[in-house]
Each structure stands twice: as C-alpha cells, then as structure tokens.
Amino acid sequence: MPTRFTAIPTVPLAGIEPWQVQLLSAMKENIELLTGTRGEADFASAALTRAALTVSPPAEQVMTQVSAQGNGVSISNSAVPLLEDYTQLIIDVQRLANDVASLRATVEVLIVQLRGQ
C-alpha cells in the first residue's frame, strides 16, 4: 500500500504573531520536504516509509556450523588432512559462499530501495 499524506494548508498571516508565522512556515516546509510534497526535484529530503520497502527477508542460512573436523594424518613429518575431511571443508566453504551471496543480494536490493532508484 503506498504512503498517503494530506496537504498542509497555507499558514495564515493575519491574526498571529510574526514569530508564529515563521515557526509554522518552517514546520510546514519541513513536513512537505519529508513527505515529498514540496516539489523537490531529486526527493533527497523525502522520508522513507515502511511501505516503500519491499525487499524480502533473506533465505534461511544453510551453513550453521562447520562439519569438517580437522582430521588428518602425518606423512613424512607433514600433517595432511584426510580426503573425507578435505572434501567436507570444500562443501562447508561453498555453503558459506552461497549464504554470503544470498545476504549480499538482499542487501543490494535494500540499498537500491533506500536510495529510491
């Protein structure tokens, strides 16, 4: 649902003190800038409302813990990981990369919406 705002009437000049006219005029202008009704070309002062954000929450995180155990053997006085453990580490890293890519995509959409592009 789009955000709706009601127009603010012009500040009356008669019957109120000059400082009140100045205060009410400044408040009216600021509210119009925030609501995007002032006619500002780039909408740089317009407030962002919840209705303007349509980004979906990121998907459930796939990788919640490392499954590789760090198991290995010693060959010629060198520590070498077991093939199964090495393979599991590669799978863990790929899951983590996928999770990061998903979060990045969500953040990029949010940034575009926040900038109003």
N, C-alpha and C. Protein backbone atom coordinates (compact mmCIF):
# COMPACT_ATOMS: atom_id res chain seq x y z
N MET A 1 0.84 -1.17 0.00
CA MET A 1 0.00 0.00 0.00
C MET A 1 0.89 1.24 0.00
N PRO A 2 0.69 2.16 -0.94
CA PRO A 2 1.51 3.37 -0.97
C PRO A 2 1.21 4.28 0.22
N THR A 3 2.17 5.09 0.57
CA THR A 3 2.01 6.03 1.67
C THR A 3 1.22 7.24 1.18
N ARG A 4 0.28 7.71 2.00
CA ARG A 4 -0.54 8.87 1.63
C ARG A 4 -0.35 9.96 2.67
N PHE A 5 -0.34 11.21 2.19
CA PHE A 5 -0.22 12.35 3.08
C PHE A 5 -1.28 13.38 2.70
N THR A 6 -1.80 14.07 3.69
CA THR A 6 -2.78 15.12 3.46
C THR A 6 -2.06 16.45 3.28
N ALA A 7 -2.54 17.27 2.36
CA ALA A 7 -1.92 18.57 2.10
C ALA A 7 -2.02 19.46 3.34
N ILE A 8 -1.00 20.27 3.55
CA ILE A 8 -0.99 21.20 4.68
C ILE A 8 -1.42 22.57 4.15
N PRO A 9 -2.43 23.18 4.77
CA PRO A 9 -2.89 24.49 4.28
C PRO A 9 -1.82 25.56 4.49
N THR A 10 -1.96 26.62 3.73
CA THR A 10 -1.05 27.76 3.84
C THR A 10 -1.19 28.38 5.22
N VAL A 11 -0.07 28.84 5.76
CA VAL A 11 -0.07 29.47 7.08
C VAL A 11 -0.75 30.84 6.96
N PRO A 12 -1.73 31.11 7.82
CA PRO A 12 -2.40 32.43 7.75
C PRO A 12 -1.46 33.52 8.26
N LEU A 13 -1.49 34.64 7.61
CA LEU A 13 -0.62 35.76 8.01
C LEU A 13 -1.33 36.70 8.97
N ALA A 14 -2.64 36.73 8.92
CA ALA A 14 -3.40 37.67 9.75
C ALA A 14 -3.77 37.02 11.09
N GLY A 15 -3.65 37.82 12.12
CA GLY A 15 -4.12 37.40 13.42
C GLY A 15 -3.13 36.59 14.25
N ILE A 16 -1.93 36.36 13.76
CA ILE A 16 -0.94 35.66 14.58
C ILE A 16 0.38 36.43 14.55
N GLU A 17 1.17 36.19 15.55
CA GLU A 17 2.44 36.89 15.71
C GLU A 17 3.42 36.50 14.59
N PRO A 18 4.32 37.42 14.22
CA PRO A 18 5.30 37.11 13.17
C PRO A 18 6.15 35.88 13.50
N TRP A 19 6.52 35.69 14.77
CA TRP A 19 7.34 34.52 15.12
C TRP A 19 6.56 33.22 14.92
N GLN A 20 5.24 33.30 15.12
CA GLN A 20 4.40 32.12 14.90
C GLN A 20 4.30 31.80 13.41
N VAL A 21 4.20 32.83 12.58
CA VAL A 21 4.17 32.63 11.14
C VAL A 21 5.47 31.97 10.69
N GLN A 22 6.58 32.48 11.20
CA GLN A 22 7.89 31.93 10.83
C GLN A 22 8.02 30.46 11.28
N LEU A 23 7.61 30.18 12.51
CA LEU A 23 7.69 28.81 13.04
C LEU A 23 6.79 27.87 12.24
N LEU A 24 5.55 28.25 12.03
CA LEU A 24 4.61 27.40 11.30
C LEU A 24 5.03 27.21 9.85
N SER A 25 5.57 28.25 9.23
CA SER A 25 6.04 28.14 7.85
C SER A 25 7.21 27.17 7.74
N ALA A 26 8.14 27.25 8.69
CA ALA A 26 9.29 26.34 8.69
C ALA A 26 8.83 24.90 8.91
N MET A 27 7.89 24.70 9.84
CA MET A 27 7.37 23.35 10.09
C MET A 27 6.66 22.81 8.86
N LYS A 28 5.85 23.67 8.21
CA LYS A 28 5.13 23.25 7.00
C LYS A 28 6.13 22.85 5.91
N GLU A 29 7.16 23.65 5.71
CA GLU A 29 8.15 23.34 4.68
C GLU A 29 8.88 22.03 4.98
N ASN A 30 9.29 21.84 6.24
CA ASN A 30 9.99 20.60 6.60
C ASN A 30 9.10 19.38 6.43
N ILE A 31 7.85 19.49 6.82
CA ILE A 31 6.93 18.36 6.66
C ILE A 31 6.71 18.04 5.19
N GLU A 32 6.57 19.09 4.37
CA GLU A 32 6.40 18.88 2.93
C GLU A 32 7.64 18.24 2.31
N LEU A 33 8.82 18.63 2.78
CA LEU A 33 10.05 18.01 2.27
C LEU A 33 10.10 16.53 2.67
N LEU A 34 9.78 16.25 3.92
CA LEU A 34 9.81 14.87 4.40
C LEU A 34 8.79 13.98 3.68
N THR A 35 7.63 14.54 3.37
CA THR A 35 6.59 13.74 2.72
C THR A 35 6.72 13.73 1.20
N GLY A 36 7.66 14.51 0.68
CA GLY A 36 7.88 14.53 -0.77
C GLY A 36 6.83 15.33 -1.51
N THR A 37 6.13 16.23 -0.83
CA THR A 37 5.08 17.03 -1.47
C THR A 37 5.52 18.47 -1.74
N ARG A 38 6.76 18.78 -1.47
CA ARG A 38 7.27 20.15 -1.63
C ARG A 38 7.67 20.44 -3.08
N GLY A 39 7.85 19.40 -3.89
CA GLY A 39 8.25 19.61 -5.26
C GLY A 39 9.76 19.56 -5.45
N GLU A 40 10.47 19.02 -4.49
CA GLU A 40 11.92 18.88 -4.59
C GLU A 40 12.23 17.89 -5.71
N ALA A 41 13.05 18.31 -6.68
CA ALA A 41 13.28 17.52 -7.90
C ALA A 41 13.88 16.14 -7.61
N ASP A 42 14.85 16.05 -6.73
CA ASP A 42 15.54 14.76 -6.51
C ASP A 42 15.01 13.99 -5.30
N PHE A 43 14.03 14.54 -4.60
CA PHE A 43 13.44 13.89 -3.42
C PHE A 43 14.49 13.53 -2.37
N ALA A 44 15.59 14.30 -2.34
CA ALA A 44 16.68 14.00 -1.39
C ALA A 44 16.24 14.15 0.06
N SER A 45 15.24 14.97 0.32
CA SER A 45 14.78 15.18 1.70
C SER A 45 13.59 14.32 2.06
N ALA A 46 13.03 13.59 1.10
CA ALA A 46 11.83 12.81 1.36
C ALA A 46 12.12 11.68 2.34
N ALA A 47 11.22 11.51 3.29
CA ALA A 47 11.37 10.44 4.28
C ALA A 47 11.05 9.10 3.64
N LEU A 48 11.66 8.07 4.15
CA LEU A 48 11.41 6.72 3.67
C LEU A 48 10.41 6.06 4.62
N THR A 49 9.35 5.50 4.07
CA THR A 49 8.35 4.84 4.90
C THR A 49 8.43 3.33 4.71
N ARG A 50 7.86 2.60 5.62
CA ARG A 50 7.88 1.14 5.52
C ARG A 50 7.23 0.65 4.24
N ALA A 51 6.23 1.36 3.77
CA ALA A 51 5.54 0.95 2.55
C ALA A 51 6.45 0.97 1.33
N ALA A 52 7.51 1.78 1.39
CA ALA A 52 8.43 1.90 0.26
C ALA A 52 9.39 0.71 0.18
N LEU A 53 9.56 -0.01 1.27
CA LEU A 53 10.49 -1.13 1.30
C LEU A 53 9.75 -2.42 0.99
N THR A 54 10.17 -3.10 -0.06
CA THR A 54 9.52 -4.35 -0.46
C THR A 54 10.49 -5.52 -0.50
N VAL A 55 11.69 -5.32 0.00
CA VAL A 55 12.68 -6.39 -0.03
C VAL A 55 12.22 -7.53 0.88
N SER A 56 12.39 -8.74 0.39
CA SER A 56 12.01 -9.93 1.16
C SER A 56 13.11 -10.29 2.15
N PRO A 57 12.76 -10.89 3.26
CA PRO A 57 13.80 -11.35 4.19
C PRO A 57 14.71 -12.37 3.50
N PRO A 58 15.97 -12.42 3.89
CA PRO A 58 16.86 -13.39 3.26
C PRO A 58 16.43 -14.82 3.57
N ALA A 59 16.85 -15.73 2.72
CA ALA A 59 16.54 -17.14 2.92
C ALA A 59 17.22 -17.65 4.19
N GLU A 60 16.72 -18.75 4.69
CA GLU A 60 17.31 -19.39 5.88
C GLU A 60 18.77 -19.70 5.61
N GLN A 61 19.62 -19.44 6.58
CA GLN A 61 21.04 -19.72 6.43
C GLN A 61 21.26 -21.22 6.33
N VAL A 62 22.03 -21.65 5.33
CA VAL A 62 22.28 -23.07 5.11
C VAL A 62 23.37 -23.57 6.06
N MET A 63 24.47 -22.86 6.10
CA MET A 63 25.59 -23.30 6.93
C MET A 63 25.45 -22.73 8.33
N THR A 64 25.27 -23.59 9.30
CA THR A 64 25.15 -23.14 10.68
C THR A 64 26.34 -23.56 11.53
N GLN A 65 27.09 -24.52 11.05
CA GLN A 65 28.32 -24.91 11.74
C GLN A 65 29.23 -25.63 10.76
N VAL A 66 30.51 -25.65 11.08
CA VAL A 66 31.50 -26.32 10.23
C VAL A 66 31.39 -27.81 10.48
N SER A 67 31.30 -28.58 9.38
CA SER A 67 31.19 -30.02 9.56
C SER A 67 32.54 -30.72 9.42
N ALA A 68 33.52 -30.04 8.81
CA ALA A 68 34.87 -30.62 8.75
C ALA A 68 35.44 -30.68 10.16
N GLN A 69 36.14 -31.76 10.48
CA GLN A 69 36.63 -31.97 11.84
C GLN A 69 38.11 -31.63 12.03
N GLY A 70 38.82 -31.44 10.95
CA GLY A 70 40.25 -31.18 11.07
C GLY A 70 41.05 -32.46 11.25
N ASN A 71 40.47 -33.58 10.83
CA ASN A 71 41.16 -34.86 10.96
C ASN A 71 42.23 -34.98 9.88
N GLY A 72 43.34 -35.55 10.25
CA GLY A 72 44.42 -35.74 9.30
C GLY A 72 45.40 -36.79 9.78
N VAL A 73 46.41 -36.97 9.00
CA VAL A 73 47.46 -37.94 9.32
C VAL A 73 48.81 -37.27 9.10
N SER A 74 49.82 -37.89 9.62
CA SER A 74 51.18 -37.40 9.42
C SER A 74 51.88 -38.26 8.38
N ILE A 75 52.33 -37.63 7.32
CA ILE A 75 53.07 -38.32 6.27
C ILE A 75 54.40 -37.60 6.10
N SER A 76 55.47 -38.34 6.34
CA SER A 76 56.82 -37.77 6.25
C SER A 76 56.94 -36.49 7.07
N ASN A 77 56.48 -36.56 8.29
CA ASN A 77 56.53 -35.44 9.24
C ASN A 77 55.75 -34.21 8.77
N SER A 78 54.74 -34.40 7.91
CA SER A 78 53.87 -33.32 7.46
C SER A 78 52.43 -33.70 7.79
N ALA A 79 51.71 -32.78 8.34
CA ALA A 79 50.30 -33.01 8.64
C ALA A 79 49.50 -32.86 7.35
N VAL A 80 48.73 -33.90 7.02
CA VAL A 80 47.93 -33.92 5.79
C VAL A 80 46.49 -34.23 6.18
N PRO A 81 45.52 -33.44 5.68
CA PRO A 81 44.12 -33.73 6.02
C PRO A 81 43.64 -34.99 5.31
N LEU A 82 42.72 -35.68 5.95
CA LEU A 82 42.09 -36.83 5.31
C LEU A 82 41.24 -36.33 4.14
N LEU A 83 41.13 -37.15 3.10
CA LEU A 83 40.37 -36.77 1.93
C LEU A 83 38.92 -36.44 2.29
N GLU A 84 38.32 -37.24 3.16
CA GLU A 84 36.93 -37.00 3.55
C GLU A 84 36.79 -35.65 4.25
N ASP A 85 37.74 -35.33 5.11
CA ASP A 85 37.69 -34.07 5.84
C ASP A 85 37.92 -32.89 4.89
N TYR A 86 38.86 -33.05 3.99
CA TYR A 86 39.15 -32.02 3.00
C TYR A 86 37.93 -31.77 2.11
N THR A 87 37.28 -32.85 1.69
CA THR A 87 36.08 -32.73 0.86
C THR A 87 34.97 -32.03 1.62
N GLN A 88 34.80 -32.37 2.90
CA GLN A 88 33.77 -31.73 3.72
C GLN A 88 34.06 -30.24 3.90
N LEU A 89 35.33 -29.88 4.03
CA LEU A 89 35.70 -28.48 4.15
C LEU A 89 35.34 -27.71 2.88
N ILE A 90 35.56 -28.30 1.73
CA ILE A 90 35.19 -27.66 0.46
C ILE A 90 33.69 -27.43 0.41
N ILE A 91 32.92 -28.42 0.84
CA ILE A 91 31.46 -28.28 0.87
C ILE A 91 31.05 -27.17 1.84
N ASP A 92 31.69 -27.12 3.01
CA ASP A 92 31.40 -26.07 4.00
C ASP A 92 31.67 -24.68 3.43
N VAL A 93 32.79 -24.53 2.76
CA VAL A 93 33.15 -23.23 2.18
C VAL A 93 32.15 -22.84 1.10
N GLN A 94 31.71 -23.78 0.29
CA GLN A 94 30.73 -23.47 -0.76
C GLN A 94 29.39 -23.07 -0.15
N ARG A 95 28.97 -23.76 0.90
CA ARG A 95 27.72 -23.38 1.58
C ARG A 95 27.82 -21.97 2.15
N LEU A 96 28.95 -21.67 2.75
CA LEU A 96 29.17 -20.34 3.30
C LEU A 96 29.16 -19.29 2.19
N ALA A 97 29.81 -19.58 1.07
CA ALA A 97 29.82 -18.64 -0.06
C ALA A 97 28.39 -18.42 -0.58
N ASN A 98 27.58 -19.46 -0.64
CA ASN A 98 26.19 -19.32 -1.08
C ASN A 98 25.38 -18.47 -0.11
N ASP A 99 25.59 -18.68 1.19
CA ASP A 99 24.90 -17.87 2.20
C ASP A 99 25.28 -16.39 2.07
N VAL A 100 26.56 -16.12 1.90
CA VAL A 100 27.04 -14.74 1.76
C VAL A 100 26.46 -14.11 0.49
N ALA A 101 26.41 -14.86 -0.60
CA ALA A 101 25.85 -14.34 -1.85
C ALA A 101 24.37 -14.01 -1.69
N SER A 102 23.64 -14.84 -0.97
CA SER A 102 22.22 -14.59 -0.73
C SER A 102 22.02 -13.32 0.10
N LEU A 103 22.79 -13.18 1.17
CA LEU A 103 22.70 -11.98 2.00
C LEU A 103 23.10 -10.73 1.22
N ARG A 104 24.13 -10.85 0.41
CA ARG A 104 24.59 -9.71 -0.40
C ARG A 104 23.49 -9.26 -1.37
N ALA A 105 22.82 -10.21 -1.99
CA ALA A 105 21.75 -9.86 -2.93
C ALA A 105 20.63 -9.13 -2.20
N THR A 106 20.29 -9.58 -1.00
CA THR A 106 19.25 -8.92 -0.21
C THR A 106 19.67 -7.50 0.16
N VAL A 107 20.91 -7.34 0.58
CA VAL A 107 21.41 -6.02 0.97
C VAL A 107 21.45 -5.08 -0.24
N GLU A 108 21.83 -5.60 -1.40
CA GLU A 108 21.87 -4.77 -2.61
C GLU A 108 20.47 -4.27 -2.98
N VAL A 109 19.46 -5.14 -2.89
CA VAL A 109 18.08 -4.72 -3.17
C VAL A 109 17.64 -3.66 -2.17
N LEU A 110 17.98 -3.86 -0.91
CA LEU A 110 17.62 -2.90 0.13
C LEU A 110 18.28 -1.55 -0.12
N ILE A 111 19.54 -1.54 -0.49
CA ILE A 111 20.24 -0.29 -0.78
C ILE A 111 19.58 0.45 -1.94
N VAL A 112 19.22 -0.27 -2.99
CA VAL A 112 18.55 0.36 -4.13
C VAL A 112 17.23 0.98 -3.69
N GLN A 113 16.47 0.26 -2.85
CA GLN A 113 15.19 0.80 -2.40
C GLN A 113 15.40 2.01 -1.47
N LEU A 114 16.42 1.97 -0.63
CA LEU A 114 16.70 3.09 0.26
C LEU A 114 17.12 4.34 -0.52
N ARG A 115 17.82 4.13 -1.61
CA ARG A 115 18.24 5.27 -2.44
C ARG A 115 17.12 5.77 -3.33
N GLY A 116 16.07 4.98 -3.47
CA GLY A 116 14.93 5.40 -4.28
C GLY A 116 15.18 5.30 -5.76
N GLN A 117 15.98 4.34 -6.18
CA GLN A 117 16.30 4.20 -7.60
C GLN A 117 15.38 3.20 -8.26
